[in-house]
Protein backbone atom coordinates (compact mmCIF):
# COMPACT_ATOMS: atom_id res chain seq x y z
CA MET A 1 -10.65 -13.99 6.53
CA ASN A 2 -6.98 -13.26 7.39
CA ALA A 3 -5.49 -10.22 8.95
CA LYS A 4 -2.34 -8.56 7.16
CA PRO A 5 -0.19 -6.09 8.13
CA GLN A 6 -0.42 -2.31 7.08
CA VAL A 7 2.76 -0.71 6.18
CA ASN A 8 4.30 2.40 4.72
CA GLY A 9 7.24 2.25 2.11
CA SER A 10 9.88 2.31 4.18
CA LEU A 11 8.63 -0.80 6.64
CA LEU A 12 8.74 -2.95 3.01
CA PRO A 13 11.91 -4.68 3.24
CA ALA A 14 11.07 -6.08 6.77
CA PHE A 15 8.15 -7.54 5.24
CA LYS A 16 9.70 -9.90 1.99
CA GLY A 17 7.80 -13.04 0.81
CA LYS A 18 4.69 -11.65 3.20
CA THR A 19 0.97 -10.47 2.11
CA VAL A 20 0.53 -6.54 3.50
CA VAL A 21 -2.00 -3.75 2.78
CA LEU A 22 -0.58 -0.27 1.75
CA LEU A 23 -2.45 2.50 1.42
CA GLY A 24 -1.49 5.96 -0.64
CA ILE A 25 -1.97 8.09 -3.38
CA ALA A 26 -2.07 6.11 -7.07
CA GLU A 27 0.09 7.82 -9.46
CA GLY A 28 -1.17 7.58 -12.86
CA PRO A 29 -2.67 4.67 -14.59
CA ILE A 30 -2.19 1.15 -14.37
CA ARG A 31 -0.33 0.54 -18.20
CA ASN A 32 1.17 -3.07 -19.22
CA GLY A 33 0.16 -4.15 -15.37
CA THR A 34 1.55 -1.89 -13.02
CA PHE A 35 1.45 1.26 -11.39
CA GLU A 36 2.82 3.97 -9.00
CA VAL A 37 1.62 3.85 -5.29
CA LYS A 38 3.04 7.11 -2.99
CA ALA A 39 2.85 5.33 0.22
CA SER A 40 1.36 7.28 3.55
CA ASP A 41 5.34 7.81 4.32
CA GLY A 42 5.95 9.56 0.50
CA LYS A 43 8.11 6.47 -0.59
CA MET A 44 6.90 5.61 -4.52
CA VAL A 45 5.83 1.66 -4.86
CA HIS A 46 5.86 -0.27 -7.58
CA ILE A 47 2.76 -2.07 -7.80
CA ASP A 48 2.23 -5.27 -10.13
CA VAL A 49 -0.98 -6.15 -10.69
CA PRO A 50 -2.27 -10.02 -12.55
CA GLU A 51 -3.87 -8.39 -15.46
CA ASP A 52 -3.54 -5.99 -18.06
CA VAL A 53 -6.27 -3.56 -16.82
CA GLU A 54 -6.27 -0.12 -18.22
CA GLU A 55 -7.00 1.96 -15.56
CA GLU A 56 -7.07 5.95 -14.87
CA MET A 57 -5.82 5.87 -10.99
CA ASN A 58 -5.37 9.21 -9.23
CA SER A 59 -6.64 8.61 -6.61
CA LEU A 60 -6.10 6.98 -2.80
CA VAL A 61 -6.07 3.00 -3.17
CA GLN A 62 -5.72 0.28 -1.29
CA VAL A 63 -3.41 -1.99 -2.03
CA ILE A 64 -3.28 -6.05 -0.67
CA GLY A 65 -0.10 -7.92 -1.74
CA THR A 66 3.23 -9.85 -1.27
CA VAL A 67 6.19 -8.07 -1.02
CA GLN A 68 9.00 -9.02 -3.26
CA PRO A 69 12.28 -9.14 -2.94
CA ASN A 70 13.22 -5.62 -4.91
CA CYS A 71 10.36 -4.23 -2.50
CA HIS A 72 7.48 -4.39 -5.43
CA ILE A 73 3.88 -5.68 -4.08
CA SER A 74 2.47 -8.16 -6.31
CA CYS A 75 -1.13 -6.90 -5.58
CA THR A 76 -3.85 -9.76 -5.45
CA GLU A 77 -5.81 -7.19 -4.61
CA TYR A 78 -6.51 -3.08 -4.87
CA SER A 79 -9.22 -1.15 -4.01
CA ILE A 80 -10.01 2.25 -5.14
CA LEU A 81 -11.32 4.62 -2.61
CA PRO A 82 -13.03 7.41 -3.89
CA GLU A 83 -15.82 7.93 -0.72
CA MET A 84 -12.34 8.86 0.59
CA ASN A 85 -11.17 12.58 -0.74
CA LYS A 86 -7.10 12.53 -1.19
CA GLU A 87 -6.90 15.89 -0.40
CA ASN A 88 -8.78 16.05 3.20
CA PHE A 89 -7.91 12.33 3.98
CA ASP A 90 -4.23 13.08 6.74
CA MET A 91 -2.03 11.13 5.25
CA GLU A 92 0.95 12.03 8.03
CA ALA A 93 -1.94 11.38 10.42
CA TYR A 94 -2.24 7.53 9.09
CA ASP A 95 1.84 7.35 8.58
CA LYS A 96 2.29 7.81 12.67
CA ALA A 97 -0.23 5.50 13.16
CA ILE A 98 1.46 2.66 11.21
CA LYS A 99 4.61 3.96 12.79
CA PHE A 100 3.27 3.10 16.33
CA MET A 101 1.32 0.29 15.46
CA HIS A 102 4.74 -1.00 14.36
CA ALA A 103 6.90 0.35 17.39
CA HIS A 104 4.56 -1.23 19.48
CA GLU A 105 4.30 -4.49 18.14
CA LYS A 106 3.22 -6.93 21.41
CA TYR A 107 0.08 -4.45 21.35
CA PHE A 108 -0.78 -4.94 17.61
CA PRO A 109 0.15 -8.79 17.12
CA LEU A 110 -0.89 -8.53 13.42
CA ILE A 111 2.77 -7.46 12.75
C-alpha cells in the first residue's frame, strides 16, 4: 500500500495528476457517477466515481483518487465513515493539521 498525501480543496491545483486523500462531508447522493464533497477548508470538490452507483451520502467521507486538470478527483476508492459523526468531527482542527503538514513538508515526506 502506497502512502498518499492528505489534502484540502485549496491544495488540489498543486497535486494535478497525483493520487491524494480528501476527507470531507459528502453533499447529497451519487448520481450519474458523481458527487460533491465539502472539503475541510469549506471548498466544494467534484468527485467522479468509476461506476454508476446510486447511494445516498450525507456523511463524513474519505476519497482516494487522482486530481484531474480541472481539479475534480477521479475516485478510485471512497469510504463512508459512519463511526465519525460529522457534527462532532472537528473539521477546522483537521484542516489546520493538513495546512501544518504542507507548511512543514520536510517533516512529512508524503507530501
